[in-house]
Amino acid sequence: MREFYEFDEERYQRKNSIKSYIIVALIFALMGGLAVYSITPYIRGWNENGDRGPAIVDNTPAPEPDRNVATGDNNQSVTVIGSQEDFFISRDNPVADIAEKMEKAVVGITNRSEVTVPDFFFYDRSRTQDVEGYGSGIIISKEGHVLTNHHVIAGAKQLFVILFDGEKVEAELIGSDPQSDIAVLKIDHPDLTVAKIGDSDKVRKGDFAIAIGNPLGHELAGTVNFGVISAVNRKLQLDGRTMELIQTDAAINRGNSGGALVNMDGEVIGMNTVKFGGELVEGLGFAIPSNVFKPLAQEIIETGKVTYPQKPWLGVYIREITAAFSRESGYPVGIQVIDIETNSPAAEAGVKPGDIIIGMNEKTLKTIEELQSTLESHEVGEVVDLKLWREGDEFALKVKLGGRDVYD
């Protein structure tokens, strides 16, 4: 059996040499393939993105962007809102470039006011005490106009604007509007950076966003928070009014109110206004869209206030008398007056609680919806014949329609 275990040295060396040649040939073939693969794009004329043709750098200047200019009568001097010059934004880290430029256009606001508090020593007395409130603002014109929230400046005896370098400048209140929660201040300063105002109608859910402001006071001035647009056109009920806001998860806290919500082009697309859900909730911040605050701010600058359109108004609290209730009660189908506002058109005309409105001029009215649509077909100040039912009698009263501001 020895022949089966005997080692043949010559045959082993011969086999080993053949194997070495094969391995060397494979290595050279692999190296050649890699070389061909690496130069093929250049031989074929592809650029680094895989597109046909050589890679070309376009040095043509970009077209001049549209300026955000508030329009008005050509014969009037019109303040330009958001006319900041363009600035370079690196695509490697746009947030840093935007923050560096925008921090000069976002300011702090100090509200000094007076409140009445109980006297510590005399329980039946009270005393006044000076307090300071804090918020943020956005410089919107070279003339020194500063946009902020109404609730930031409400009740102020004295207002100050804190610039990015810490300089404190006394501010004048131009006007404010509680309904939209918008206010405009004005400061006198020779060197101001104006924020560029963007188009909030172009904002999409998922867009990146930067919130800049002074959370918790001026000690944290110019804080930059990064996030996304969580929702657009979000309707919220705040203090009895409906507001349509931009929702973001960029951190917004007390003191951020009035600050800027900025897109990746360095444009203000919202004014940070409220955090929803209290201290235990994170990532639910809301901002007034730029296309909402811009015309209102312009109106405040020009007139000192915001004027809302009016709709015809009777001044009555009502409920419907349906056909079923009419059969049970003996009342006619119509709209019953439950209560009447003091000094309202209905009160002045002699309408009383319990009256049932059954028509206006020549039109029969049976529902609240019909009454509302009929009112809206008339003008504020117009006199109408209001047809009523009272204790079995039908008659008409002449009512001069009043006007009530339309907010929604």
Protein backbone atom coordinates (compact mmCIF):
# COMPACT_ATOMS: atom_id res chain seq x y z
CA MET A 1 0.00 0.00 0.00
CA ARG A 2 3.05 2.29 0.17
CA GLU A 3 2.56 3.64 -3.34
CA PHE A 4 -0.61 5.30 -2.30
CA TYR A 5 1.14 7.43 0.33
CA GLU A 6 4.46 8.11 -1.30
CA PHE A 7 5.09 11.79 -2.03
CA ASP A 8 6.00 12.66 -5.72
CA GLU A 9 8.02 15.93 -5.38
CA GLU A 10 8.55 16.52 -9.07
CA ARG A 11 4.86 16.24 -9.91
CA TYR A 12 3.93 18.58 -7.05
CA GLN A 13 6.35 21.29 -8.20
CA ARG A 14 5.00 21.06 -11.74
CA LYS A 15 1.42 21.54 -10.59
CA ASN A 16 2.35 24.40 -8.30
CA SER A 17 4.06 26.31 -11.15
CA ILE A 18 0.96 26.06 -13.37
CA LYS A 19 -1.22 27.35 -10.55
CA SER A 20 1.05 30.39 -10.04
CA TYR A 21 0.86 31.33 -13.72
CA ILE A 22 -2.93 31.19 -13.62
CA ILE A 23 -3.12 33.42 -10.51
CA VAL A 24 -0.77 36.04 -12.02
CA ALA A 25 -2.78 36.11 -15.25
CA LEU A 26 -6.02 36.64 -13.34
CA ILE A 27 -4.55 39.54 -11.35
CA PHE A 28 -3.39 41.33 -14.51
CA ALA A 29 -6.75 40.76 -16.18
CA LEU A 30 -8.55 42.25 -13.18
CA MET A 31 -6.27 45.31 -13.12
CA GLY A 32 -6.80 45.89 -16.82
CA GLY A 33 -10.58 45.70 -16.42
CA LEU A 34 -10.56 48.25 -13.63
CA ALA A 35 -8.43 50.64 -15.69
CA VAL A 36 -10.77 50.40 -18.67
CA TYR A 37 -13.83 50.94 -16.45
CA SER A 38 -12.32 54.05 -14.84
CA ILE A 39 -11.49 55.83 -18.11
CA THR A 40 -14.55 54.79 -20.11
CA PRO A 41 -16.68 57.86 -19.06
CA TYR A 42 -13.97 60.22 -20.29
CA ILE A 43 -13.51 58.34 -23.58
CA ARG A 44 -17.26 58.52 -24.23
CA GLY A 45 -17.54 62.17 -23.14
CA TRP A 46 -19.73 61.67 -20.03
CA ASN A 47 -19.68 64.06 -17.08
CA GLU A 48 -19.53 63.04 -13.44
CA ASN A 49 -23.32 62.76 -13.24
CA GLY A 50 -23.47 60.21 -16.07
CA ASP A 51 -24.93 62.68 -18.59
CA ARG A 52 -23.66 62.89 -22.21
CA GLY A 53 -21.21 65.68 -22.96
CA PRO A 54 -18.43 67.24 -20.91
CA ALA A 55 -19.20 68.70 -17.49
CA ILE A 56 -19.63 72.48 -17.94
CA VAL A 57 -19.70 75.11 -15.20
CA ASP A 58 -22.27 77.80 -16.02
CA ASN A 59 -20.92 81.18 -14.95
CA THR A 60 -23.85 83.12 -16.36
CA PRO A 61 -25.27 85.41 -13.64
CA ALA A 62 -28.64 84.30 -12.29
CA PRO A 63 -31.59 86.51 -13.24
CA GLU A 64 -32.45 89.25 -10.76
CA PRO A 65 -35.13 87.89 -8.40
CA ASP A 66 -38.44 89.64 -7.94
CA ARG A 67 -38.44 92.05 -5.02
CA ASN A 68 -41.12 91.87 -2.38
CA VAL A 69 -42.55 95.36 -2.74
CA ALA A 70 -45.76 96.52 -1.15
CA THR A 71 -47.80 98.25 -3.84
CA GLY A 72 -49.95 101.31 -3.41
CA ASP A 73 -51.08 104.56 -5.01
CA ASN A 74 -48.36 105.95 -7.26
CA ASN A 75 -48.87 109.38 -5.74
CA GLN A 76 -48.12 108.14 -2.23
CA SER A 77 -44.84 107.22 -0.64
CA VAL A 78 -45.00 103.49 -0.02
CA THR A 79 -42.81 101.67 2.45
CA VAL A 80 -40.99 98.73 0.92
CA ILE A 81 -41.47 95.70 3.13
CA GLY A 82 -38.80 93.01 3.01
CA SER A 83 -36.40 94.58 0.51
CA GLN A 84 -33.24 92.92 1.79
CA GLU A 85 -30.46 92.38 -0.73
CA ASP A 86 -29.73 88.81 -1.79
CA PHE A 87 -26.88 87.03 -0.07
CA PHE A 88 -24.84 83.94 -0.80
CA ILE A 89 -26.16 80.69 0.66
CA SER A 90 -23.85 77.69 0.68
CA ARG A 91 -25.57 74.43 -0.20
CA ASP A 92 -23.10 72.59 2.05
CA ASN A 93 -24.55 74.25 5.14
CA PRO A 94 -27.30 76.74 4.21
CA VAL A 95 -28.55 76.99 7.79
CA ALA A 96 -25.32 78.61 8.98
CA ASP A 97 -25.30 81.16 6.14
CA ILE A 98 -28.97 82.00 6.62
CA ALA A 99 -28.56 82.34 10.37
CA GLU A 100 -25.52 84.61 9.97
CA LYS A 101 -27.44 87.00 7.74
CA MET A 102 -30.90 86.78 9.28
CA GLU A 103 -29.83 87.22 12.90
CA LYS A 104 -29.28 90.91 12.15
CA ALA A 105 -32.87 91.28 10.89
CA VAL A 106 -34.45 89.57 13.92
CA VAL A 107 -34.59 91.69 17.07
CA GLY A 108 -35.67 91.44 20.67
CA ILE A 109 -38.56 93.47 22.05
CA THR A 110 -39.01 94.63 25.64
CA ASN A 111 -42.49 95.63 26.77
CA ARG A 112 -42.61 97.69 29.96
CA SER A 113 -46.11 97.79 31.37
CA GLU A 114 -47.92 98.44 34.62
CA VAL A 115 -50.10 95.86 36.38
CA THR A 116 -52.27 95.97 39.47
CA VAL A 117 -51.43 93.41 42.16
CA PRO A 118 -52.78 92.77 45.67
CA ASP A 119 -50.95 94.59 48.44
CA PHE A 120 -49.00 92.08 50.53
CA PHE A 121 -49.54 93.99 53.79
CA PHE A 122 -53.14 95.16 53.27
CA TYR A 123 -55.47 92.47 51.92
CA ASP A 124 -58.19 94.96 51.00
CA ARG A 125 -55.85 97.13 48.95
CA SER A 126 -53.94 96.85 45.70
CA ARG A 127 -50.91 98.54 44.21
CA THR A 128 -49.38 99.02 40.78
CA GLN A 129 -46.19 97.33 39.75
CA ASP A 130 -43.96 97.75 36.71
CA VAL A 131 -43.28 94.53 34.80
CA GLU A 132 -41.31 93.67 31.70
CA GLY A 133 -42.38 91.30 28.95
CA TYR A 134 -40.16 89.92 26.22
CA GLY A 135 -40.62 88.89 22.64
CA SER A 136 -39.07 89.02 19.19
CA GLY A 137 -39.53 91.10 16.07
CA ILE A 138 -38.55 91.29 12.40
CA ILE A 139 -37.09 94.39 10.70
CA ILE A 140 -39.21 94.87 7.56
CA SER A 141 -38.08 98.25 6.18
CA LYS A 142 -35.05 100.51 5.97
CA GLU A 143 -37.19 103.19 7.62
CA GLY A 144 -37.04 101.14 10.82
CA HIS A 145 -40.40 99.37 10.84
CA VAL A 146 -40.40 96.26 13.01
CA LEU A 147 -43.06 93.56 12.76
CA THR A 148 -44.15 91.63 15.85
CA ASN A 149 -47.20 90.09 17.52
CA HIS A 150 -49.92 92.20 19.12
CA HIS A 151 -49.72 90.10 22.27
CA VAL A 152 -46.02 90.98 22.60
CA ILE A 153 -46.74 94.71 22.90
CA ALA A 154 -50.23 94.67 24.47
CA GLY A 155 -50.59 97.08 27.40
CA ALA A 156 -47.14 98.60 26.94
CA LYS A 157 -46.20 101.89 28.59
CA GLN A 158 -42.80 101.82 26.93
CA LEU A 159 -41.27 99.69 24.16
CA PHE A 160 -37.64 98.96 23.33
CA VAL A 161 -36.03 97.06 20.46
CA ILE A 162 -32.84 95.12 21.18
CA LEU A 163 -30.65 94.83 18.07
CA PHE A 164 -28.47 91.81 17.29
CA ASP A 165 -25.39 93.45 18.83
CA GLY A 166 -27.22 94.24 22.07
CA GLU A 167 -27.93 97.90 21.32
CA LYS A 168 -31.18 99.05 22.92
CA VAL A 169 -33.37 101.50 20.99
CA GLU A 170 -36.65 103.00 22.17
CA ALA A 171 -39.51 102.14 19.80
CA GLU A 172 -42.74 103.85 18.77
CA LEU A 173 -45.91 101.82 18.35
CA ILE A 174 -47.31 102.56 14.87
CA GLY A 175 -50.37 100.38 15.35
CA SER A 176 -51.59 96.90 16.15
CA ASP A 177 -54.48 94.54 15.43
CA PRO A 178 -55.64 92.09 18.12
CA GLN A 179 -57.69 90.07 15.62
CA SER A 180 -54.73 89.11 13.43
CA ASP A 181 -52.22 89.38 16.34
CA ILE A 182 -50.03 91.73 14.29
CA ALA A 183 -48.27 94.92 15.40
CA VAL A 184 -45.77 97.30 13.83
CA LEU A 185 -43.18 99.35 15.73
CA LYS A 186 -40.73 101.92 14.42
CA ILE A 187 -37.20 102.73 15.50
CA ASP A 188 -34.76 105.40 14.40
CA HIS A 189 -31.44 103.79 13.49
CA PRO A 190 -29.02 104.45 10.61
CA ASP A 191 -27.84 100.91 9.94
CA LEU A 192 -30.50 98.20 9.77
CA THR A 193 -30.62 94.82 8.05
CA VAL A 194 -34.03 94.23 6.48
CA ALA A 195 -35.48 90.73 6.30
CA LYS A 196 -36.46 89.46 2.88
CA ILE A 197 -40.12 88.40 2.83
CA GLY A 198 -40.98 85.25 0.88
CA ASP A 199 -44.15 83.80 -0.62
CA SER A 200 -45.90 81.63 1.97
CA ASP A 201 -48.26 80.24 -0.68
CA LYS A 202 -45.29 78.27 -2.04
CA VAL A 203 -44.57 76.59 1.30
CA ARG A 204 -45.04 72.81 1.24
CA LYS A 205 -45.40 70.26 3.98
CA GLY A 206 -41.97 68.76 4.57
CA ASP A 207 -39.97 71.85 3.54
CA PHE A 208 -37.05 72.67 5.82
CA ALA A 209 -37.55 75.70 8.06
CA ILE A 210 -35.52 77.79 10.51
CA ALA A 211 -37.03 79.58 13.51
CA ILE A 212 -35.04 82.57 14.78
CA GLY A 213 -35.90 84.51 17.91
CA ASN A 214 -35.31 85.07 21.62
CA PRO A 215 -36.73 82.13 23.57
CA LEU A 216 -37.14 82.87 27.28
CA GLY A 217 -35.78 86.40 26.94
CA HIS A 218 -32.84 88.40 25.64
CA GLU A 219 -30.23 86.20 27.31
CA LEU A 220 -30.82 83.66 24.53
CA ALA A 221 -31.14 86.25 21.75
CA GLY A 222 -30.76 85.08 18.18
CA THR A 223 -31.40 81.42 18.92
CA VAL A 224 -31.63 79.34 15.72
CA ASN A 225 -33.82 76.24 15.61
CA PHE A 226 -34.08 73.91 12.62
CA GLY A 227 -37.01 71.75 11.58
CA VAL A 228 -39.59 71.15 8.88
CA ILE A 229 -42.96 72.53 7.88
CA SER A 230 -45.35 70.10 9.56
CA ALA A 231 -48.53 71.47 7.94
CA VAL A 232 -49.81 74.48 6.02
CA ASN A 233 -53.14 76.30 6.30
CA ARG A 234 -53.73 74.86 9.77
CA LYS A 235 -56.85 76.45 11.30
CA LEU A 236 -56.74 77.04 15.06
CA GLN A 237 -59.15 78.70 17.48
CA LEU A 238 -57.17 81.18 19.58
CA ASP A 239 -58.88 83.51 22.07
CA GLY A 240 -62.20 83.27 20.26
CA ARG A 241 -60.82 83.91 16.77
CA THR A 242 -59.94 81.56 13.93
CA MET A 243 -56.39 81.84 12.57
CA GLU A 244 -54.89 80.01 9.59
CA LEU A 245 -51.27 79.23 10.42
CA ILE A 246 -48.15 77.41 9.30
CA GLN A 247 -47.25 74.51 11.59
CA THR A 248 -43.60 73.63 12.24
CA ASP A 249 -41.65 71.31 14.50
CA ALA A 250 -38.81 73.84 14.81
CA ALA A 251 -38.70 74.65 18.51
CA ILE A 252 -40.79 77.71 19.43
CA ASN A 253 -40.99 78.83 23.05
CA ARG A 254 -42.08 81.81 25.10
CA GLY A 255 -40.12 84.79 23.80
CA ASN A 256 -40.03 83.46 20.22
CA SER A 257 -43.31 85.25 19.48
CA GLY A 258 -42.80 87.80 16.72
CA GLY A 259 -39.65 86.10 15.43
CA ALA A 260 -38.97 84.79 11.94
CA LEU A 261 -39.75 81.45 10.33
CA VAL A 262 -37.34 81.26 7.39
CA ASN A 263 -37.07 78.99 4.34
CA MET A 264 -33.89 77.62 2.76
CA ASP A 265 -33.61 80.66 0.49
CA GLY A 266 -33.27 82.94 3.51
CA GLU A 267 -36.79 84.34 3.11
CA VAL A 268 -39.24 84.94 5.94
CA ILE A 269 -42.30 82.82 5.21
CA GLY A 270 -43.93 83.19 8.63
CA MET A 271 -43.93 85.06 11.94
CA ASN A 272 -43.68 82.71 14.92
CA THR A 273 -46.73 83.24 17.10
CA VAL A 274 -47.75 80.40 19.37
CA LYS A 275 -46.74 77.04 20.78
CA PHE A 276 -49.62 74.63 21.15
CA GLY A 277 -50.16 72.26 24.05
CA GLY A 278 -48.16 73.87 26.84
CA GLU A 279 -44.78 72.96 28.25
CA LEU A 280 -45.31 69.21 28.02
CA VAL A 281 -45.78 69.25 24.23
CA GLU A 282 -42.88 69.59 21.80
CA GLY A 283 -42.79 70.20 18.07
CA LEU A 284 -46.13 72.01 17.74
CA GLY A 285 -45.24 75.58 16.85
CA PHE A 286 -47.29 77.88 14.64
CA ALA A 287 -46.51 80.96 12.55
CA ILE A 288 -48.61 83.59 10.76
CA PRO A 289 -47.96 83.17 7.00
CA SER A 290 -46.08 85.99 5.28
CA ASN A 291 -48.85 86.49 2.73
CA VAL A 292 -51.21 87.16 5.65
CA PHE A 293 -49.08 89.54 7.70
CA LYS A 294 -47.53 91.52 4.84
CA PRO A 295 -50.64 93.42 3.60
CA LEU A 296 -51.84 93.95 7.17
CA ALA A 297 -48.46 95.36 8.21
CA GLN A 298 -48.50 97.65 5.19
CA GLU A 299 -51.97 98.91 6.14
CA ILE A 300 -50.83 99.58 9.70
CA ILE A 301 -47.82 101.52 8.40
CA GLU A 302 -50.04 103.63 6.14
CA THR A 303 -53.08 104.15 8.41
CA GLY A 304 -52.12 103.02 11.90
CA LYS A 305 -54.76 100.27 11.98
CA VAL A 306 -56.35 97.39 10.10
CA THR A 307 -59.78 97.96 8.60
CA TYR A 308 -61.92 94.88 8.01
CA PRO A 309 -64.83 94.60 5.56
CA GLN A 310 -68.29 94.69 7.12
CA LYS A 311 -71.37 92.57 6.61
CA PRO A 312 -75.00 93.56 7.31
CA TRP A 313 -76.00 92.99 10.92
CA LEU A 314 -79.31 92.82 12.83
CA GLY A 315 -78.00 92.13 16.32
CA VAL A 316 -80.25 89.23 17.32
CA TYR A 317 -79.71 85.79 18.87
CA ILE A 318 -81.96 83.31 17.10
CA ARG A 319 -83.16 79.73 16.70
CA GLU A 320 -85.23 77.97 14.04
CA ILE A 321 -88.90 77.07 14.37
CA THR A 322 -89.13 73.89 12.32
CA ALA A 323 -92.29 72.45 10.77
CA ALA A 324 -92.47 69.76 13.47
CA PHE A 325 -92.10 72.29 16.31
CA SER A 326 -94.60 74.55 14.58
CA ARG A 327 -97.25 71.81 14.68
CA GLU A 328 -96.63 71.22 18.38
CA SER A 329 -96.44 74.87 19.49
CA GLY A 330 -98.70 76.72 17.10
CA TYR A 331 -95.87 79.09 16.16
CA PRO A 332 -95.29 79.75 12.46
CA VAL A 333 -92.26 78.27 10.72
CA GLY A 334 -89.48 80.85 10.83
CA ILE A 335 -86.64 82.20 12.96
CA GLN A 336 -87.39 83.04 16.57
CA VAL A 337 -85.56 85.89 18.33
CA ILE A 338 -84.14 84.63 21.64
CA ASP A 339 -82.29 87.79 22.70
CA ILE A 340 -81.26 91.17 21.28
CA GLU A 341 -77.95 93.02 21.56
CA THR A 342 -78.06 96.44 23.20
CA ASN A 343 -78.01 99.38 20.76
CA SER A 344 -78.32 97.00 17.81
CA PRO A 345 -80.37 97.75 14.64
CA ALA A 346 -83.03 95.26 15.81
CA ALA A 347 -83.29 96.90 19.24
CA GLU A 348 -83.61 100.38 17.74
CA ALA A 349 -86.34 99.17 15.34
CA GLY A 350 -88.44 97.68 18.13
CA VAL A 351 -87.84 93.94 17.68
CA LYS A 352 -88.50 92.02 20.91
CA PRO A 353 -87.41 88.65 22.28
CA GLY A 354 -89.97 86.03 21.30
CA ASP A 355 -90.70 87.61 17.90
CA ILE A 356 -90.50 85.23 14.96
CA ILE A 357 -88.93 86.50 11.74
CA ILE A 358 -90.96 85.20 8.81
CA GLY A 359 -89.70 87.40 5.98
CA MET A 360 -87.67 90.34 4.72
CA ASN A 361 -89.04 92.69 2.08
CA GLU A 362 -90.84 90.38 -0.36
CA LYS A 363 -88.99 87.19 0.57
CA THR A 364 -90.36 84.54 2.94
CA LEU A 365 -87.80 83.23 5.45
CA LYS A 366 -87.99 79.83 7.14
CA THR A 367 -84.40 78.97 8.15
CA ILE A 368 -81.38 80.69 9.67
CA GLU A 369 -79.44 80.01 6.48
CA GLU A 370 -82.11 81.82 4.43
CA LEU A 371 -81.97 84.79 6.82
CA GLN A 372 -78.17 85.00 6.60
CA SER A 373 -78.08 84.78 2.80
CA THR A 374 -80.82 87.42 2.51
CA LEU A 375 -78.97 89.77 4.86
CA GLU A 376 -75.79 89.36 2.81
CA SER A 377 -77.69 90.34 -0.34
CA HIS A 378 -78.25 93.82 1.17
CA GLU A 379 -75.82 96.63 2.01
CA VAL A 380 -74.77 98.02 5.37
CA GLY A 381 -76.99 101.06 6.06
CA GLU A 382 -79.83 99.85 3.82
CA VAL A 383 -83.40 99.99 5.27
CA VAL A 384 -85.40 96.76 4.96
CA ASP A 385 -88.89 95.65 5.94
CA LEU A 386 -88.50 92.91 8.52
CA LYS A 387 -91.67 90.81 8.69
CA LEU A 388 -92.46 89.43 12.15
CA TRP A 389 -94.99 87.28 13.96
CA ARG A 390 -95.81 88.30 17.55
CA GLU A 391 -98.54 86.69 19.66
CA GLY A 392 -100.67 85.81 16.65
CA ASP A 393 -100.19 89.04 14.71
CA GLU A 394 -98.10 89.54 11.59
CA PHE A 395 -96.55 92.93 10.90
CA ALA A 396 -93.40 94.60 9.50
CA LEU A 397 -90.79 96.88 11.05
CA LYS A 398 -88.36 99.05 9.13
CA VAL A 399 -84.80 98.19 10.16
CA LYS A 400 -81.67 100.07 9.13
CA LEU A 401 -79.01 97.36 8.81
CA GLY A 402 -75.87 97.90 10.81
CA GLY A 403 -72.38 96.67 10.01
CA ARG A 404 -70.14 94.19 11.76
CA ASP A 405 -66.51 93.49 10.96
CA VAL A 406 -65.78 90.31 9.05
CA TYR A 407 -62.70 88.55 10.46
CA ASP A 408 -62.87 85.07 8.99
